[in-house]
């Protein structure tokens, strides 16, 4: 079985589908993404500008999470959201690829605010006219074994039976939410860079922002050991503190490695050394949780094989 992973990033979706036995081809525009994807995933990669170029690939499944910045909670500057953003049309490009390649199944991921945008309902109706049964739902990654309570909009389309079947079978794969402690406890006494990607920016003035952490507004979080992490953005922009909290000179944000572990990436995943810290953080938070994609891929595999 073959899958085409559009806007593949570091490979959060790809890794789950590889585990489920799919032959995956990833597509993205970025050179740092290409290097990261190729070095970590046993999958092929094609560098393409998906806004302007069309990828033709014979496959059973198309997956993808187009950039979410037009609808992201982090991107609140006037004029930078919705149709004013340069990435707005990439949602449409995902569905154009479905139309052209005609896979049996497609799986689309993005942020929940997208569901109120007319562009989404427009393309869901277009997919139905093409013969797909289509359904959307909001999922939480922690329900599938990740240590983050990040919520995501999932749209599933199929020409094999009803789309509702996917979400019913996905329910059966729910598991206990993992805590932050489960994900990063073994790193608590590790020095900076003692473990690959265990790096973080030295924010010497972080104590000045104590009052913001009391508001619990988006991005101003101190993680708690015994809870799943809330959803957060690039640590260089949203200063998410390590669960140890404010400890004078030892106060720090969570490391790149800790973010990856919270998202559900295995420890053998490593970013290339020549990629900047900011880019590593961004790729980490942009990723679909591999544990969620693993559960999704196994359900899709069963649907294709008629085991539902």
Protein backbone atom coordinates (compact mmCIF):
# COMPACT_ATOMS: atom_id res chain seq x y z
CA UNK A 1 0.00 0.00 0.00
CA UNK A 2 1.25 3.45 -0.89
CA UNK A 3 0.68 6.82 0.79
CA UNK A 4 1.48 10.36 -0.34
CA UNK A 5 2.22 12.69 2.58
CA UNK A 6 1.80 16.31 1.48
CA UNK A 7 3.34 19.12 3.57
CA UNK A 8 5.15 16.28 5.34
CA UNK A 9 7.44 18.37 7.54
CA UNK A 10 9.67 16.30 9.80
CA UNK A 11 7.47 13.29 9.16
CA UNK A 12 4.96 13.01 11.99
CA UNK A 13 2.32 11.46 9.72
CA UNK A 14 4.86 9.51 7.69
CA UNK A 15 6.29 7.72 10.74
CA UNK A 16 2.90 6.36 11.74
CA UNK A 17 2.13 5.11 8.25
CA UNK A 18 5.55 3.50 7.91
CA UNK A 19 4.92 1.56 11.12
CA UNK A 20 1.61 0.37 9.72
CA UNK A 21 3.36 -1.04 6.65
CA UNK A 22 2.76 1.70 4.06
CA UNK A 23 5.26 2.77 1.44
CA UNK A 24 5.33 6.55 1.94
CA UNK A 25 6.42 9.45 -0.24
CA UNK A 26 6.81 12.80 1.51
CA UNK A 27 6.55 16.19 -0.20
CA UNK A 28 7.54 19.60 1.15
CA UNK A 29 9.21 22.83 0.04
CA UNK A 30 11.90 23.33 2.69
CA UNK A 31 15.54 22.22 2.53
CA UNK A 32 15.81 21.77 6.33
CA UNK A 33 12.66 19.64 6.16
CA UNK A 34 14.15 17.56 3.35
CA UNK A 35 17.33 16.84 5.29
CA UNK A 36 15.43 16.02 8.48
CA UNK A 37 12.86 13.85 6.72
CA UNK A 38 15.37 11.84 4.68
CA UNK A 39 17.72 11.19 7.61
CA UNK A 40 14.95 9.99 9.94
CA UNK A 41 12.43 8.17 7.78
CA UNK A 42 12.77 5.18 5.49
CA UNK A 43 10.69 6.94 2.86
CA UNK A 44 11.21 8.83 -0.38
CA UNK A 45 11.06 12.61 -0.50
CA UNK A 46 10.29 15.12 -3.23
CA UNK A 47 10.91 18.82 -2.85
CA UNK A 48 8.01 20.75 -4.37
CA UNK A 49 6.24 24.08 -4.02
CA UNK A 50 2.75 22.62 -3.57
CA UNK A 51 1.15 26.01 -4.09
CA UNK A 52 2.36 26.04 -7.70
CA UNK A 53 3.31 22.45 -8.52
CA UNK A 54 1.23 19.30 -8.70
CA UNK A 55 2.55 15.94 -7.54
CA UNK A 56 1.15 12.94 -9.34
CA UNK A 57 1.50 9.69 -7.44
CA UNK A 58 -0.38 6.42 -7.72
CA UNK A 59 -1.40 5.67 -4.14
CA UNK A 60 -4.20 4.39 -1.94
CA UNK A 61 -3.95 7.22 0.59
CA UNK A 62 -3.16 10.93 0.57
CA UNK A 63 -2.39 12.56 3.92
CA UNK A 64 -1.34 16.03 4.92
CA UNK A 65 -1.53 18.99 7.23
CA UNK A 66 -1.16 22.25 5.29
CA UNK A 67 0.45 25.13 7.24
CA UNK A 68 -2.00 26.31 9.91
CA UNK A 69 -0.75 29.89 10.29
CA UNK A 70 -3.83 31.52 8.68
CA UNK A 71 -5.96 30.10 11.53
CA UNK A 72 -3.42 29.62 14.32
CA UNK A 73 -3.94 31.03 17.82
CA UNK A 74 -0.34 32.25 17.80
CA UNK A 75 -0.81 34.29 14.64
CA UNK A 76 -3.00 37.07 16.00
CA UNK A 77 -1.52 40.10 14.26
CA UNK A 78 -4.05 42.11 12.27
CA UNK A 79 -4.02 41.21 8.61
CA UNK A 80 -2.04 38.01 9.12
CA UNK A 81 -4.91 35.61 9.55
CA UNK A 82 -7.39 33.88 7.27
CA UNK A 83 -7.44 34.79 3.56
CA UNK A 84 -4.89 37.60 4.04
CA UNK A 85 -2.17 35.09 4.82
CA UNK A 86 0.07 33.78 2.04
CA UNK A 87 -0.55 30.17 3.14
CA UNK A 88 -4.34 30.38 2.92
CA UNK A 89 -4.62 28.70 -0.49
CA UNK A 90 -2.60 25.66 0.57
CA UNK A 91 -5.73 24.05 2.02
CA UNK A 92 -7.27 24.10 -1.44
CA UNK A 93 -4.10 22.61 -2.91
CA UNK A 94 -4.44 19.55 -0.68
CA UNK A 95 -7.87 18.82 -2.11
CA UNK A 96 -6.67 19.53 -5.65
CA UNK A 97 -4.15 16.72 -5.17
CA UNK A 98 -6.93 14.41 -4.00
CA UNK A 99 -8.99 15.28 -7.08
CA UNK A 100 -6.09 14.66 -9.46
CA UNK A 101 -4.67 11.49 -7.88
CA UNK A 102 -7.99 9.88 -6.87
CA UNK A 103 -6.79 7.88 -3.83
CA UNK A 104 -9.17 5.53 -2.09
CA UNK A 105 -8.76 7.50 1.15
CA UNK A 106 -7.55 10.90 2.29
CA UNK A 107 -6.66 12.14 5.77
CA UNK A 108 -6.41 15.89 6.42
CA UNK A 109 -5.13 17.52 9.63
CA UNK A 110 -5.23 21.13 10.82
CA UNK A 111 -6.16 23.46 13.68
CA UNK A 112 -9.79 23.48 14.94
CA UNK A 113 -10.51 27.14 13.96
CA UNK A 114 -10.27 26.12 10.31
CA UNK A 115 -13.62 24.31 10.56
CA UNK A 116 -15.46 27.64 10.68
CA UNK A 117 -13.88 28.83 7.42
CA UNK A 118 -16.10 28.56 4.33
CA UNK A 119 -13.19 27.24 2.26
CA UNK A 120 -13.31 24.00 4.18
CA UNK A 121 -17.03 23.34 3.77
CA UNK A 122 -16.65 24.21 0.07
CA UNK A 123 -13.99 21.56 -0.51
CA UNK A 124 -15.69 18.94 1.63
CA UNK A 125 -18.74 19.29 -0.64
CA UNK A 126 -16.50 19.06 -3.72
CA UNK A 127 -15.03 15.82 -2.38
CA UNK A 128 -18.52 14.41 -1.84
CA UNK A 129 -19.41 15.23 -5.45
CA UNK A 130 -16.33 13.25 -6.49
CA UNK A 131 -17.71 10.20 -4.72
CA UNK A 132 -16.05 10.43 -1.32
CA UNK A 133 -17.83 9.93 1.98
CA UNK A 134 -16.44 12.75 4.14
CA UNK A 135 -16.56 13.41 7.87
CA UNK A 136 -14.68 15.71 10.25
CA UNK A 137 -13.98 15.50 13.96
CA UNK A 138 -11.78 17.08 16.64
CA UNK A 139 -9.27 14.74 18.29
CA UNK A 140 -6.82 15.12 21.17
CA UNK A 141 -3.36 13.63 20.77
CA UNK A 142 -3.21 12.59 24.43
CA UNK A 143 -6.08 10.18 23.76
CA UNK A 144 -3.73 8.17 21.57
CA UNK A 145 -0.65 8.03 23.78
CA UNK A 146 1.02 11.41 23.35
CA UNK A 147 1.91 13.67 26.29
CA UNK A 148 0.18 16.68 24.78
CA UNK A 149 -3.50 17.58 24.95
CA UNK A 150 -3.25 19.34 21.59
CA UNK A 151 -6.58 19.34 19.76
CA UNK A 152 -6.66 18.91 16.01
CA UNK A 153 -9.27 18.96 13.27
CA UNK A 154 -9.22 15.70 11.33
CA UNK A 155 -11.08 15.25 8.04
CA UNK A 156 -11.40 11.76 6.66
CA UNK A 157 -12.61 10.94 3.18
CA UNK A 158 -13.09 7.53 1.63
CA UNK A 159 -14.44 5.77 -1.44
CA UNK A 160 -14.55 2.54 0.60
CA UNK A 161 -17.73 2.54 2.65
CA UNK A 162 -18.64 5.35 5.06
CA UNK A 163 -16.29 7.90 6.62
CA UNK A 164 -17.96 7.39 10.01
CA UNK A 165 -16.32 3.95 10.16
CA UNK A 166 -12.87 5.51 10.48
CA UNK A 167 -13.77 7.55 13.55
CA UNK A 168 -15.60 4.65 15.19
CA UNK A 169 -12.55 2.41 14.78
CA UNK A 170 -10.26 5.22 15.91
CA UNK A 171 -12.26 5.41 19.16
CA UNK A 172 -11.30 1.78 19.83
CA UNK A 173 -7.61 2.75 19.72
CA UNK A 174 -7.83 5.36 22.45
CA UNK A 175 -5.49 4.87 25.38
CA UNK A 176 -4.63 6.53 28.67
CA UNK A 177 -3.27 10.08 28.32
CA UNK A 178 0.46 10.28 28.91
CA UNK A 179 1.86 12.85 31.31
CA UNK A 180 4.76 15.25 30.83
CA UNK A 181 6.60 13.13 33.40
CA UNK A 182 6.21 10.05 31.23
CA UNK A 183 7.75 11.88 28.27
CA UNK A 184 10.69 13.77 29.77
CA UNK A 185 11.38 12.59 33.34
CA UNK A 186 14.61 10.84 32.31
CA UNK A 187 15.97 14.15 30.96
CA UNK A 188 15.45 16.12 34.16
CA UNK A 189 19.12 15.94 35.26
CA UNK A 190 20.69 16.06 31.83
CA UNK A 191 22.88 19.05 31.03
CA UNK A 192 22.30 21.20 27.98
CA UNK A 193 23.36 19.25 24.86
CA UNK A 194 24.24 16.15 26.90
CA UNK A 195 21.62 14.34 24.83
CA UNK A 196 21.16 15.03 21.11
CA UNK A 197 18.76 18.00 20.56
CA UNK A 198 18.54 18.61 24.31
CA UNK A 199 19.10 22.32 23.72
CA UNK A 200 17.21 25.48 24.63
CA UNK A 201 17.74 29.26 24.39
CA UNK A 202 19.34 30.99 27.35
CA UNK A 203 16.61 33.47 28.29
CA UNK A 204 18.38 35.49 30.98
CA UNK A 205 15.47 37.87 31.57
CA UNK A 206 12.72 35.25 31.95
CA UNK A 207 12.10 36.24 35.60
CA UNK A 208 10.67 39.54 34.37
CA UNK A 209 7.70 37.67 32.90
CA UNK A 210 6.51 35.90 36.05
CA UNK A 211 3.24 37.84 36.07
CA UNK A 212 2.35 36.51 32.61
CA UNK A 213 2.64 32.91 33.75
CA UNK A 214 -0.04 33.58 36.36
CA UNK A 215 -2.57 34.40 33.61
CA UNK A 216 -2.32 30.93 31.99
CA UNK A 217 -2.96 32.57 28.63
CA UNK A 218 -1.86 30.78 25.49
CA UNK A 219 1.89 30.37 25.45
CA UNK A 220 2.50 31.42 29.05
CA UNK A 221 2.58 27.97 30.60
CA UNK A 222 4.62 26.21 33.24
CA UNK A 223 4.28 22.53 32.40
CA UNK A 224 3.12 20.17 35.14
CA UNK A 225 4.72 16.79 35.66
CA UNK A 226 1.49 14.90 36.28
CA UNK A 227 -0.58 16.34 33.44
CA UNK A 228 -0.44 16.27 29.68
CA UNK A 229 1.06 19.42 28.20
CA UNK A 230 -1.32 21.99 26.73
CA UNK A 231 -0.92 22.86 23.06
CA UNK A 232 1.87 25.37 22.44
CA UNK A 233 3.82 26.93 19.59
CA UNK A 234 7.48 27.56 18.80
CA UNK A 235 9.35 27.82 22.11
CA UNK A 236 11.33 30.75 20.71
CA UNK A 237 8.02 32.64 20.58
CA UNK A 238 5.97 31.02 23.37
CA UNK A 239 8.20 30.59 26.40
CA UNK A 240 6.91 27.29 27.76
CA UNK A 241 8.72 26.60 31.02
CA UNK A 242 10.09 23.28 32.19
CA UNK A 243 7.97 21.76 35.01
CA UNK A 244 10.59 22.80 37.58
CA UNK A 245 9.30 26.33 37.07
CA UNK A 246 11.16 29.41 38.32
CA UNK A 247 14.46 28.38 39.88
CA UNK A 248 16.61 31.46 39.54
CA UNK A 249 19.51 30.91 37.13
CA UNK A 250 18.27 27.35 36.47
CA UNK A 251 14.92 28.54 35.10
CA UNK A 252 14.55 27.38 31.52
CA UNK A 253 12.12 26.60 28.74
CA UNK A 254 11.66 23.03 27.53
CA UNK A 255 14.32 21.77 25.14
CA UNK A 256 13.91 20.69 21.53
CA UNK A 257 14.29 17.05 22.62
CA UNK A 258 11.65 17.48 25.33
CA UNK A 259 9.19 18.99 22.85
CA UNK A 260 9.73 16.08 20.49
CA UNK A 261 9.17 13.57 23.29
CA UNK A 262 6.01 15.36 24.43
CA UNK A 263 4.71 15.21 20.86
CA UNK A 264 5.29 11.46 20.77
CA UNK A 265 8.46 11.16 18.68
CA UNK A 266 10.79 8.32 19.58
CA UNK A 267 14.23 9.12 20.96
CA UNK A 268 15.98 7.84 17.85
CA UNK A 269 14.59 10.83 15.92
CA UNK A 270 17.38 13.39 15.54
CA UNK A 271 17.55 16.75 13.80
CA UNK A 272 20.64 17.35 11.63
CA UNK A 273 23.27 19.42 13.43
CA UNK A 274 23.35 22.17 10.81
CA UNK A 275 19.72 23.17 11.37
CA UNK A 276 19.10 26.16 13.64
CA UNK A 277 17.40 25.84 17.00
CA UNK A 278 14.42 27.94 15.95
CA UNK A 279 13.84 25.74 12.90
CA UNK A 280 14.04 22.61 15.06
CA UNK A 281 11.44 23.95 17.47
CA UNK A 282 9.19 24.98 14.57
CA UNK A 283 9.36 21.60 12.88
CA UNK A 284 8.64 19.91 16.21
CA UNK A 285 5.48 21.90 16.97
CA UNK A 286 4.29 21.80 13.35
CA UNK A 287 4.32 18.00 13.37
CA UNK A 288 1.38 15.66 13.65
CA UNK A 289 1.93 13.41 16.66
CA UNK A 290 3.41 10.12 15.40
CA UNK A 291 1.41 8.12 17.94
CA UNK A 292 -1.83 9.55 16.58
CA UNK A 293 -0.76 8.94 12.98
CA UNK A 294 0.18 5.37 13.95
CA UNK A 295 -3.34 4.73 15.27
CA UNK A 296 -4.89 6.38 12.19
CA UNK A 297 -2.71 4.43 9.77
CA UNK A 298 -3.61 1.09 11.33
CA UNK A 299 -7.32 1.89 11.07
CA UNK A 300 -6.89 2.94 7.43
CA UNK A 301 -4.91 -0.21 6.68
CA UNK A 302 -7.76 -2.32 8.10
CA UNK A 303 -10.33 -0.41 6.06
CA UNK A 304 -8.36 -0.95 2.83
CA UNK A 305 -7.89 -4.65 3.63
CA UNK A 306 -11.58 -5.10 4.42
CA UNK A 307 -10.96 -5.99 8.07
CA UNK A 308 -13.49 -3.59 9.53
